N, C-alpha and C. Protein backbone atom coordinates (compact mmCIF):
# COMPACT_ATOMS: atom_id res chain seq x y z
N UNK A 1 0.82 -1.19 0.00
CA UNK A 1 0.00 0.00 0.00
C UNK A 1 0.88 1.27 0.00
N UNK A 2 2.01 1.16 0.67
CA UNK A 2 2.92 2.29 0.74
C UNK A 2 3.48 2.64 -0.64
N UNK A 3 3.78 1.61 -1.43
CA UNK A 3 4.30 1.84 -2.78
C UNK A 3 3.24 2.54 -3.65
N UNK A 4 2.00 2.14 -3.50
CA UNK A 4 0.90 2.78 -4.23
C UNK A 4 0.80 4.25 -3.85
N UNK A 5 0.98 4.54 -2.58
CA UNK A 5 0.93 5.93 -2.10
C UNK A 5 2.08 6.75 -2.70
N UNK A 6 3.27 6.15 -2.80
CA UNK A 6 4.41 6.86 -3.40
C UNK A 6 4.14 7.17 -4.87
N UNK A 7 3.59 6.17 -5.60
CA UNK A 7 3.24 6.41 -7.01
C UNK A 7 2.23 7.54 -7.14
N UNK A 8 1.22 7.52 -6.29
CA UNK A 8 0.20 8.58 -6.30
C UNK A 8 0.84 9.94 -6.08
N UNK A 9 1.66 10.03 -5.05
CA UNK A 9 2.29 11.31 -4.73
C UNK A 9 3.21 11.79 -5.85
N UNK A 10 3.96 10.86 -6.43
CA UNK A 10 4.87 11.22 -7.51
C UNK A 10 4.10 11.77 -8.72
N UNK A 11 3.10 11.02 -9.18
CA UNK A 11 2.36 11.44 -10.38
C UNK A 11 1.44 12.62 -10.10
N UNK A 12 0.90 12.68 -8.88
CA UNK A 12 0.08 13.83 -8.50
C UNK A 12 0.92 15.10 -8.53
N UNK A 13 2.12 15.02 -7.97
CA UNK A 13 3.01 16.19 -7.95
C UNK A 13 3.40 16.62 -9.35
N UNK A 14 3.71 15.66 -10.20
CA UNK A 14 4.07 15.98 -11.58
C UNK A 14 2.89 16.61 -12.32
N UNK A 15 1.71 16.02 -12.18
CA UNK A 15 0.52 16.57 -12.84
C UNK A 15 0.20 17.96 -12.29
N UNK A 16 0.34 18.13 -11.00
CA UNK A 16 0.06 19.42 -10.38
C UNK A 16 0.99 20.51 -10.91
N UNK A 17 2.28 20.18 -11.06
CA UNK A 17 3.24 21.15 -11.61
C UNK A 17 2.86 21.54 -13.04
N UNK A 18 2.51 20.55 -13.85
CA UNK A 18 2.16 20.84 -15.24
C UNK A 18 0.86 21.65 -15.33
N UNK A 19 -0.14 21.26 -14.53
CA UNK A 19 -1.42 21.96 -14.57
C UNK A 19 -1.33 23.36 -13.97
N UNK A 20 -0.33 23.58 -13.11
CA UNK A 20 -0.15 24.92 -12.53
C UNK A 20 0.27 25.94 -13.58
N UNK A 21 0.75 25.48 -14.71
CA UNK A 21 1.14 26.38 -15.79
C UNK A 21 -0.07 26.90 -16.56
N UNK A 22 -1.24 26.31 -16.31
CA UNK A 22 -2.45 26.69 -17.04
C UNK A 22 -3.30 27.57 -16.13
N UNK A 23 -3.45 28.83 -16.52
CA UNK A 23 -4.18 29.81 -15.72
C UNK A 23 -5.61 29.36 -15.41
N UNK A 24 -6.28 28.81 -16.39
CA UNK A 24 -7.68 28.39 -16.22
C UNK A 24 -7.80 27.32 -15.14
N UNK A 25 -6.86 26.40 -15.10
CA UNK A 25 -6.91 25.34 -14.09
C UNK A 25 -6.68 25.91 -12.69
N UNK A 26 -5.80 26.89 -12.57
CA UNK A 26 -5.57 27.53 -11.27
C UNK A 26 -6.81 28.26 -10.80
N UNK A 27 -7.48 28.96 -11.74
CA UNK A 27 -8.71 29.67 -11.39
C UNK A 27 -9.81 28.69 -11.00
N UNK A 28 -9.92 27.58 -11.71
CA UNK A 28 -10.92 26.55 -11.39
C UNK A 28 -10.69 26.00 -9.99
N UNK A 29 -9.44 25.76 -9.65
CA UNK A 29 -9.12 25.24 -8.32
C UNK A 29 -9.48 26.25 -7.23
N UNK A 30 -9.18 27.52 -7.46
CA UNK A 30 -9.51 28.55 -6.47
C UNK A 30 -11.03 28.68 -6.29
N UNK A 31 -11.77 28.66 -7.39
CA UNK A 31 -13.22 28.86 -7.31
C UNK A 31 -13.96 27.67 -6.73
N UNK A 32 -13.53 26.47 -7.05
CA UNK A 32 -14.27 25.28 -6.61
C UNK A 32 -13.70 24.65 -5.35
N UNK A 33 -12.43 24.89 -5.08
CA UNK A 33 -11.79 24.24 -3.94
C UNK A 33 -11.39 22.80 -4.23
N UNK A 34 -11.59 22.36 -5.47
CA UNK A 34 -11.23 21.01 -5.88
C UNK A 34 -9.85 21.07 -6.53
N UNK A 35 -9.01 20.15 -6.15
CA UNK A 35 -7.66 20.09 -6.73
C UNK A 35 -7.73 20.06 -8.25
N UNK A 36 -6.85 20.81 -8.89
CA UNK A 36 -6.85 20.85 -10.37
C UNK A 36 -6.52 19.49 -10.97
N UNK A 37 -5.76 18.68 -10.25
CA UNK A 37 -5.44 17.33 -10.74
C UNK A 37 -6.70 16.48 -10.74
N UNK A 38 -7.45 16.50 -9.63
CA UNK A 38 -8.66 15.70 -9.55
C UNK A 38 -9.74 16.23 -10.49
N UNK A 39 -9.81 17.55 -10.65
CA UNK A 39 -10.78 18.13 -11.59
C UNK A 39 -10.45 17.69 -13.02
N UNK A 40 -9.18 17.70 -13.38
CA UNK A 40 -8.76 17.26 -14.72
C UNK A 40 -9.08 15.79 -14.94
N UNK A 41 -8.81 14.98 -13.93
CA UNK A 41 -9.12 13.55 -14.04
C UNK A 41 -10.62 13.33 -14.18
N UNK A 42 -11.42 14.11 -13.45
CA UNK A 42 -12.87 14.00 -13.54
C UNK A 42 -13.39 14.40 -14.91
N UNK A 43 -12.86 15.48 -15.45
CA UNK A 43 -13.26 15.94 -16.78
C UNK A 43 -12.87 14.90 -17.83
N UNK A 44 -11.66 14.37 -17.71
CA UNK A 44 -11.21 13.35 -18.65
C UNK A 44 -12.07 12.09 -18.54
N UNK A 45 -12.43 11.70 -17.34
CA UNK A 45 -13.26 10.51 -17.14
C UNK A 45 -14.65 10.70 -17.74
N UNK A 46 -15.25 11.85 -17.52
CA UNK A 46 -16.57 12.13 -18.12
C UNK A 46 -16.47 12.09 -19.64
N UNK A 47 -15.43 12.72 -20.19
CA UNK A 47 -15.23 12.69 -21.65
C UNK A 47 -15.05 11.27 -22.17
N UNK A 48 -14.28 10.46 -21.46
CA UNK A 48 -14.05 9.08 -21.86
C UNK A 48 -15.34 8.27 -21.81
N UNK A 49 -16.14 8.47 -20.78
CA UNK A 49 -17.42 7.77 -20.68
C UNK A 49 -18.33 8.17 -21.84
N UNK A 50 -18.38 9.45 -22.16
CA UNK A 50 -19.20 9.91 -23.29
C UNK A 50 -18.73 9.28 -24.60
N UNK A 51 -17.43 9.22 -24.80
CA UNK A 51 -16.89 8.60 -26.02
C UNK A 51 -17.21 7.11 -26.02
N UNK A 52 -17.04 6.46 -24.87
CA UNK A 52 -17.27 5.03 -24.77
C UNK A 52 -18.72 4.67 -25.16
N UNK A 53 -19.66 5.47 -24.68
CA UNK A 53 -21.08 5.21 -24.98
C UNK A 53 -21.55 5.95 -26.23
N UNK A 54 -20.61 6.52 -26.98
CA UNK A 54 -20.88 7.20 -28.24
C UNK A 54 -21.92 8.31 -28.09
N UNK A 55 -21.79 9.06 -27.02
CA UNK A 55 -22.62 10.24 -26.82
C UNK A 55 -21.76 11.43 -27.19
N UNK A 56 -21.87 11.86 -28.42
CA UNK A 56 -21.02 12.95 -28.91
C UNK A 56 -19.60 12.49 -29.17
N UNK A 57 -19.41 11.22 -29.44
CA UNK A 57 -18.07 10.67 -29.65
C UNK A 57 -17.33 11.36 -30.78
N UNK A 58 -18.03 11.61 -31.88
CA UNK A 58 -17.40 12.28 -33.03
C UNK A 58 -16.94 13.68 -32.65
N UNK A 59 -17.80 14.43 -31.98
CA UNK A 59 -17.46 15.79 -31.57
C UNK A 59 -16.27 15.79 -30.61
N UNK A 60 -16.32 14.94 -29.60
CA UNK A 60 -15.27 14.93 -28.59
C UNK A 60 -13.92 14.52 -29.19
N UNK A 61 -13.92 13.47 -30.01
CA UNK A 61 -12.65 13.04 -30.59
C UNK A 61 -12.11 14.09 -31.55
N UNK A 62 -12.98 14.74 -32.31
CA UNK A 62 -12.50 15.79 -33.21
C UNK A 62 -11.98 17.00 -32.43
N UNK A 63 -12.64 17.34 -31.31
CA UNK A 63 -12.12 18.44 -30.48
C UNK A 63 -10.73 18.11 -29.95
N UNK A 64 -10.56 16.88 -29.49
CA UNK A 64 -9.24 16.48 -28.99
C UNK A 64 -8.23 16.51 -30.13
N UNK A 65 -8.65 16.08 -31.32
CA UNK A 65 -7.77 16.07 -32.48
C UNK A 65 -7.43 17.45 -33.00
N UNK A 66 -8.24 18.46 -32.65
CA UNK A 66 -8.01 19.82 -33.13
C UNK A 66 -7.44 20.76 -32.06
N UNK A 67 -8.02 20.77 -30.88
CA UNK A 67 -7.72 21.82 -29.90
C UNK A 67 -6.27 21.75 -29.39
N UNK A 68 -5.87 20.62 -28.82
CA UNK A 68 -4.50 20.52 -28.31
C UNK A 68 -3.47 20.70 -29.42
N UNK A 69 -3.63 20.04 -30.57
CA UNK A 69 -2.65 20.25 -31.64
C UNK A 69 -2.62 21.69 -32.16
N UNK A 70 -3.76 22.35 -32.22
CA UNK A 70 -3.77 23.74 -32.67
C UNK A 70 -3.01 24.63 -31.68
N UNK A 71 -3.25 24.41 -30.39
CA UNK A 71 -2.55 25.18 -29.36
C UNK A 71 -1.04 24.91 -29.42
N UNK A 72 -0.69 23.65 -29.56
CA UNK A 72 0.73 23.29 -29.63
C UNK A 72 1.37 23.82 -30.91
N UNK A 73 0.61 23.85 -32.01
CA UNK A 73 1.12 24.41 -33.26
C UNK A 73 1.40 25.90 -33.11
N UNK A 74 0.51 26.60 -32.41
CA UNK A 74 0.73 28.02 -32.15
C UNK A 74 2.04 28.22 -31.40
N UNK A 75 2.26 27.43 -30.36
CA UNK A 75 3.50 27.54 -29.60
C UNK A 75 4.71 27.16 -30.44
N UNK A 76 4.55 26.17 -31.31
CA UNK A 76 5.66 25.75 -32.17
C UNK A 76 6.04 26.86 -33.15
N UNK A 77 5.05 27.53 -33.69
CA UNK A 77 5.32 28.63 -34.63
C UNK A 77 6.09 29.75 -33.93
N UNK A 78 5.74 30.00 -32.68
CA UNK A 78 6.37 31.09 -31.93
C UNK A 78 7.72 30.71 -31.34
N UNK A 79 8.04 29.43 -31.29
CA UNK A 79 9.32 29.01 -30.71
C UNK A 79 10.43 29.15 -31.76
N UNK A 80 11.67 29.33 -31.31
CA UNK A 80 12.78 29.51 -32.25
C UNK A 80 13.21 28.19 -32.93
N UNK A 81 12.95 27.05 -32.29
CA UNK A 81 13.41 25.77 -32.83
C UNK A 81 12.56 25.28 -33.99
N UNK A 82 13.09 24.28 -34.71
CA UNK A 82 12.40 23.74 -35.87
C UNK A 82 11.77 22.38 -35.59
N UNK A 83 12.26 21.65 -34.57
CA UNK A 83 11.79 20.29 -34.31
C UNK A 83 10.29 20.24 -34.05
N UNK A 84 9.79 21.15 -33.21
CA UNK A 84 8.36 21.13 -32.91
C UNK A 84 7.53 21.54 -34.11
N UNK A 85 8.07 22.41 -34.96
CA UNK A 85 7.35 22.78 -36.19
C UNK A 85 7.15 21.55 -37.07
N UNK A 86 8.20 20.78 -37.23
CA UNK A 86 8.14 19.57 -38.05
C UNK A 86 7.15 18.58 -37.46
N UNK A 87 7.18 18.43 -36.14
CA UNK A 87 6.26 17.50 -35.48
C UNK A 87 4.81 17.86 -35.78
N UNK A 88 4.47 19.14 -35.65
CA UNK A 88 3.07 19.53 -35.82
C UNK A 88 2.65 19.60 -37.28
N UNK A 89 3.55 19.96 -38.17
CA UNK A 89 3.21 19.88 -39.60
C UNK A 89 2.95 18.43 -40.01
N UNK A 90 3.76 17.54 -39.49
CA UNK A 90 3.57 16.12 -39.76
C UNK A 90 2.24 15.65 -39.21
N UNK A 91 1.92 16.07 -37.98
CA UNK A 91 0.63 15.69 -37.38
C UNK A 91 -0.53 16.15 -38.25
N UNK A 92 -0.49 17.41 -38.69
CA UNK A 92 -1.62 17.93 -39.47
C UNK A 92 -1.76 17.22 -40.81
N UNK A 93 -0.66 16.79 -41.40
CA UNK A 93 -0.71 16.03 -42.64
C UNK A 93 -1.40 14.69 -42.41
N UNK A 94 -0.97 13.97 -41.38
CA UNK A 94 -1.56 12.67 -41.08
C UNK A 94 -3.02 12.83 -40.65
N UNK A 95 -3.29 13.80 -39.81
CA UNK A 95 -4.65 14.03 -39.32
C UNK A 95 -5.59 14.38 -40.48
N UNK A 96 -5.14 15.20 -41.40
CA UNK A 96 -5.96 15.56 -42.55
C UNK A 96 -6.31 14.35 -43.40
N UNK A 97 -5.32 13.50 -43.66
CA UNK A 97 -5.59 12.29 -44.43
C UNK A 97 -6.50 11.33 -43.66
N UNK A 98 -6.30 11.23 -42.36
CA UNK A 98 -7.14 10.39 -41.51
C UNK A 98 -8.59 10.86 -41.56
N UNK A 99 -8.80 12.17 -41.42
CA UNK A 99 -10.16 12.71 -41.46
C UNK A 99 -10.80 12.56 -42.83
N UNK A 100 -10.02 12.71 -43.89
CA UNK A 100 -10.55 12.52 -45.23
C UNK A 100 -11.01 11.08 -45.43
N UNK A 101 -10.18 10.14 -45.03
CA UNK A 101 -10.55 8.73 -45.14
C UNK A 101 -11.77 8.43 -44.28
N UNK A 102 -11.83 9.01 -43.09
CA UNK A 102 -12.98 8.79 -42.21
C UNK A 102 -14.26 9.36 -42.83
N UNK A 103 -14.18 10.49 -43.46
CA UNK A 103 -15.36 11.11 -44.07
C UNK A 103 -15.98 10.18 -45.11
N UNK A 104 -15.14 9.59 -45.95
CA UNK A 104 -15.66 8.75 -47.02
C UNK A 104 -16.07 7.35 -46.54
N UNK A 105 -15.63 6.95 -45.36
CA UNK A 105 -16.00 5.62 -44.85
C UNK A 105 -16.87 5.71 -43.61
N UNK A 106 -17.38 6.88 -43.30
CA UNK A 106 -18.15 7.11 -42.07
C UNK A 106 -19.37 6.21 -41.96
N UNK A 107 -20.04 5.92 -43.08
CA UNK A 107 -21.23 5.07 -43.04
C UNK A 107 -20.87 3.68 -42.53
N UNK A 108 -19.71 3.17 -42.92
CA UNK A 108 -19.27 1.86 -42.46
C UNK A 108 -18.72 1.92 -41.03
N UNK A 109 -17.99 2.97 -40.73
CA UNK A 109 -17.37 3.08 -39.41
C UNK A 109 -18.40 3.21 -38.29
N UNK A 110 -19.55 3.76 -38.60
CA UNK A 110 -20.59 3.94 -37.59
C UNK A 110 -20.99 2.60 -36.98
N UNK A 111 -20.89 1.54 -37.74
CA UNK A 111 -21.33 0.23 -37.27
C UNK A 111 -20.25 -0.55 -36.54
N UNK A 112 -19.06 -0.02 -36.47
CA UNK A 112 -17.98 -0.69 -35.73
C UNK A 112 -18.12 -0.34 -34.25
N UNK A 113 -18.29 -1.37 -33.41
CA UNK A 113 -18.44 -1.09 -31.97
C UNK A 113 -17.20 -0.39 -31.42
N UNK A 114 -17.42 0.60 -30.60
CA UNK A 114 -16.36 1.34 -29.92
C UNK A 114 -15.39 2.01 -30.90
N UNK A 115 -15.89 2.38 -32.06
CA UNK A 115 -15.02 3.03 -33.05
C UNK A 115 -14.41 4.31 -32.47
N UNK A 116 -15.21 5.11 -31.79
CA UNK A 116 -14.69 6.39 -31.30
C UNK A 116 -13.68 6.20 -30.16
N UNK A 117 -13.78 5.12 -29.42
CA UNK A 117 -12.75 4.81 -28.42
C UNK A 117 -11.44 4.49 -29.14
N UNK A 118 -11.55 3.66 -30.18
CA UNK A 118 -10.37 3.33 -30.99
C UNK A 118 -9.79 4.60 -31.62
N UNK A 119 -10.66 5.46 -32.16
CA UNK A 119 -10.20 6.70 -32.79
C UNK A 119 -9.48 7.58 -31.76
N UNK A 120 -10.04 7.65 -30.55
CA UNK A 120 -9.42 8.45 -29.49
C UNK A 120 -8.02 7.94 -29.16
N UNK A 121 -7.87 6.64 -29.06
CA UNK A 121 -6.56 6.05 -28.77
C UNK A 121 -5.58 6.36 -29.90
N UNK A 122 -6.02 6.21 -31.14
CA UNK A 122 -5.16 6.50 -32.29
C UNK A 122 -4.77 7.98 -32.31
N UNK A 123 -5.74 8.87 -32.08
CA UNK A 123 -5.43 10.30 -32.07
C UNK A 123 -4.43 10.65 -30.98
N UNK A 124 -4.60 10.06 -29.80
CA UNK A 124 -3.67 10.34 -28.72
C UNK A 124 -2.27 9.85 -29.10
N UNK A 125 -2.19 8.69 -29.72
CA UNK A 125 -0.89 8.16 -30.16
C UNK A 125 -0.29 9.08 -31.22
N UNK A 126 -1.12 9.59 -32.12
CA UNK A 126 -0.61 10.47 -33.17
C UNK A 126 -0.11 11.80 -32.62
N UNK A 127 -0.83 12.38 -31.68
CA UNK A 127 -0.54 13.76 -31.29
C UNK A 127 0.40 13.92 -30.10
N UNK A 128 0.52 12.92 -29.25
CA UNK A 128 1.37 13.11 -28.07
C UNK A 128 2.84 13.19 -28.45
N UNK A 129 3.53 14.21 -27.98
CA UNK A 129 4.96 14.35 -28.27
C UNK A 129 5.78 13.16 -27.75
N UNK A 130 5.29 12.49 -26.72
CA UNK A 130 6.02 11.36 -26.16
C UNK A 130 6.01 10.16 -27.11
N UNK A 131 4.96 9.99 -27.89
CA UNK A 131 4.85 8.83 -28.78
C UNK A 131 5.26 9.16 -30.21
N UNK A 132 5.02 10.41 -30.63
CA UNK A 132 5.36 10.86 -31.98
C UNK A 132 4.82 9.91 -33.05
N UNK A 133 3.58 9.48 -32.85
CA UNK A 133 2.95 8.54 -33.76
C UNK A 133 2.76 9.09 -35.16
N UNK A 134 2.45 10.38 -35.26
CA UNK A 134 2.26 10.98 -36.59
C UNK A 134 3.55 10.92 -37.39
N UNK A 135 4.67 11.13 -36.74
CA UNK A 135 5.94 11.05 -37.45
C UNK A 135 6.21 9.63 -37.94
N UNK A 136 5.85 8.65 -37.11
CA UNK A 136 6.02 7.26 -37.52
C UNK A 136 5.17 6.95 -38.75
N UNK A 137 3.89 7.30 -38.71
CA UNK A 137 3.00 7.04 -39.85
C UNK A 137 3.51 7.77 -41.09
N UNK A 138 3.93 9.00 -40.91
CA UNK A 138 4.42 9.76 -42.06
C UNK A 138 5.66 9.12 -42.66
N UNK A 139 6.64 8.81 -41.81
CA UNK A 139 7.91 8.25 -42.30
C UNK A 139 7.73 6.87 -42.92
N UNK A 140 6.90 6.03 -42.32
CA UNK A 140 6.75 4.65 -42.78
C UNK A 140 5.80 4.50 -43.97
N UNK A 141 4.78 5.35 -44.05
CA UNK A 141 3.73 5.12 -45.05
C UNK A 141 3.54 6.28 -46.02
N UNK A 142 3.39 7.48 -45.50
CA UNK A 142 3.04 8.61 -46.37
C UNK A 142 4.23 9.15 -47.15
N UNK A 143 5.35 9.31 -46.49
CA UNK A 143 6.52 9.89 -47.16
C UNK A 143 6.94 9.09 -48.39
N UNK A 144 7.05 7.76 -48.30
CA UNK A 144 7.42 7.02 -49.51
C UNK A 144 6.44 7.23 -50.67
N UNK A 145 5.16 7.29 -50.36
CA UNK A 145 4.16 7.51 -51.42
C UNK A 145 4.30 8.91 -51.99
N UNK A 146 4.45 9.91 -51.11
CA UNK A 146 4.58 11.29 -51.58
C UNK A 146 5.84 11.47 -52.41
N UNK A 147 6.95 10.92 -51.95
CA UNK A 147 8.20 11.06 -52.70
C UNK A 147 8.11 10.34 -54.04
N UNK A 148 7.49 9.20 -54.04
CA UNK A 148 7.32 8.44 -55.28
C UNK A 148 6.48 9.24 -56.27
N UNK A 149 5.42 9.86 -55.77
CA UNK A 149 4.56 10.68 -56.64
C UNK A 149 5.29 11.94 -57.11
N UNK A 150 6.11 12.49 -56.26
CA UNK A 150 6.81 13.73 -56.60
C UNK A 150 7.82 13.53 -57.72
N UNK A 151 8.36 12.33 -57.84
CA UNK A 151 9.34 12.07 -58.90
C UNK A 151 8.67 11.79 -60.24
N UNK A 152 7.35 11.73 -60.26
CA UNK A 152 6.64 11.54 -61.52
C UNK A 152 6.36 10.09 -61.84
N UNK A 153 6.82 9.16 -61.02
CA UNK A 153 6.56 7.75 -61.28
C UNK A 153 5.10 7.45 -60.98
N UNK A 154 4.53 6.55 -61.74
CA UNK A 154 3.13 6.19 -61.56
C UNK A 154 3.02 4.70 -61.28
N UNK A 155 2.26 4.36 -60.26
CA UNK A 155 2.02 2.96 -59.94
C UNK A 155 0.62 2.57 -60.39
N UNK A 156 0.49 1.37 -60.84
CA UNK A 156 -0.84 0.86 -61.17
C UNK A 156 -1.54 0.52 -59.86
N UNK A 157 -2.86 0.40 -59.86
CA UNK A 157 -3.56 0.02 -58.63
C UNK A 157 -3.05 -1.30 -58.04
N UNK A 158 -2.70 -2.24 -58.90
CA UNK A 158 -2.16 -3.52 -58.42
C UNK A 158 -0.83 -3.32 -57.71
N UNK A 159 0.05 -2.48 -58.29
CA UNK A 159 1.34 -2.20 -57.66
C UNK A 159 1.16 -1.45 -56.34
N UNK A 160 0.20 -0.52 -56.30
CA UNK A 160 -0.07 0.21 -55.06
C UNK A 160 -0.55 -0.75 -53.97
N UNK A 161 -1.46 -1.66 -54.33
CA UNK A 161 -1.97 -2.64 -53.37
C UNK A 161 -0.85 -3.53 -52.87
N UNK A 162 0.02 -3.98 -53.77
CA UNK A 162 1.14 -4.83 -53.37
C UNK A 162 2.10 -4.07 -52.46
N UNK A 163 2.35 -2.81 -52.76
CA UNK A 163 3.22 -1.99 -51.93
C UNK A 163 2.63 -1.83 -50.53
N UNK A 164 1.31 -1.61 -50.46
CA UNK A 164 0.65 -1.47 -49.16
C UNK A 164 0.73 -2.77 -48.38
N UNK A 165 0.52 -3.92 -49.05
CA UNK A 165 0.62 -5.22 -48.38
C UNK A 165 2.04 -5.45 -47.86
N UNK A 166 3.03 -5.10 -48.68
CA UNK A 166 4.43 -5.27 -48.27
C UNK A 166 4.74 -4.44 -47.04
N UNK A 167 4.30 -3.18 -47.04
CA UNK A 167 4.56 -2.30 -45.89
C UNK A 167 3.83 -2.80 -44.64
N UNK A 168 2.59 -3.27 -44.80
CA UNK A 168 1.83 -3.80 -43.66
C UNK A 168 2.53 -5.03 -43.09
N UNK A 169 2.98 -5.93 -43.95
CA UNK A 169 3.69 -7.12 -43.49
C UNK A 169 4.98 -6.74 -42.77
N UNK A 170 5.68 -5.76 -43.30
CA UNK A 170 6.92 -5.28 -42.68
C UNK A 170 6.64 -4.71 -41.30
N UNK A 171 5.55 -3.95 -41.17
CA UNK A 171 5.18 -3.36 -39.87
C UNK A 171 4.83 -4.45 -38.87
N UNK A 172 4.08 -5.46 -39.30
CA UNK A 172 3.73 -6.56 -38.41
C UNK A 172 4.99 -7.27 -37.93
N UNK A 173 5.92 -7.50 -38.82
CA UNK A 173 7.18 -8.14 -38.44
C UNK A 173 7.96 -7.28 -37.45
N UNK A 174 7.97 -5.96 -37.68
CA UNK A 174 8.66 -5.05 -36.75
C UNK A 174 8.01 -5.07 -35.38
N UNK A 175 6.66 -5.10 -35.34
CA UNK A 175 5.95 -5.14 -34.07
C UNK A 175 6.22 -6.45 -33.34
N UNK A 176 6.26 -7.54 -34.08
CA UNK A 176 6.56 -8.84 -33.46
C UNK A 176 7.98 -8.83 -32.88
N UNK A 177 8.91 -8.24 -33.62
CA UNK A 177 10.29 -8.19 -33.15
C UNK A 177 10.42 -7.35 -31.88
N UNK A 178 9.67 -6.24 -31.82
CA UNK A 178 9.72 -5.38 -30.64
C UNK A 178 9.01 -6.01 -29.46
N UNK A 179 7.97 -6.81 -29.72
CA UNK A 179 7.22 -7.45 -28.64
C UNK A 179 7.99 -8.58 -28.00
N UNK A 180 8.93 -9.16 -28.73
CA UNK A 180 9.70 -10.30 -28.20
C UNK A 180 10.76 -9.85 -27.23
């Protein structure tokens, strides 16, 4: 039980330091008397429950996919470094293609159980700087296609399908190797 308490205190302290940088969270804590960490966890839990039961799942996942990345993109533009600019440009490229594909397949996706939970997990993986999922998707899948198209080479639909199968098989093998 003591170890659990140490983990709580460690992560609570870390979350509290990060949330203290957000003026709105400090004001919420002062007005309600509820810790900003617990208020954030409560808000996240309510959002997750709504997504889980598909009550506004599309709206909530799209807000998550837009709001945090837009805010981070603003900060990246204003920062002197280039790394964060590249990260967020890559995210917006992947996110745009993801949303386009979702738009055209939305009728089918609606019938997939817990689709918005899956979408939320994928979006979090894509946008979190710790995972850099958008960079992975871009480097492994989109960049080769874009570069191939930029050189003027044309693939037939059969060649494109074979290339996609080859890349998918390669990814599965890489995941198996990392899991071992």
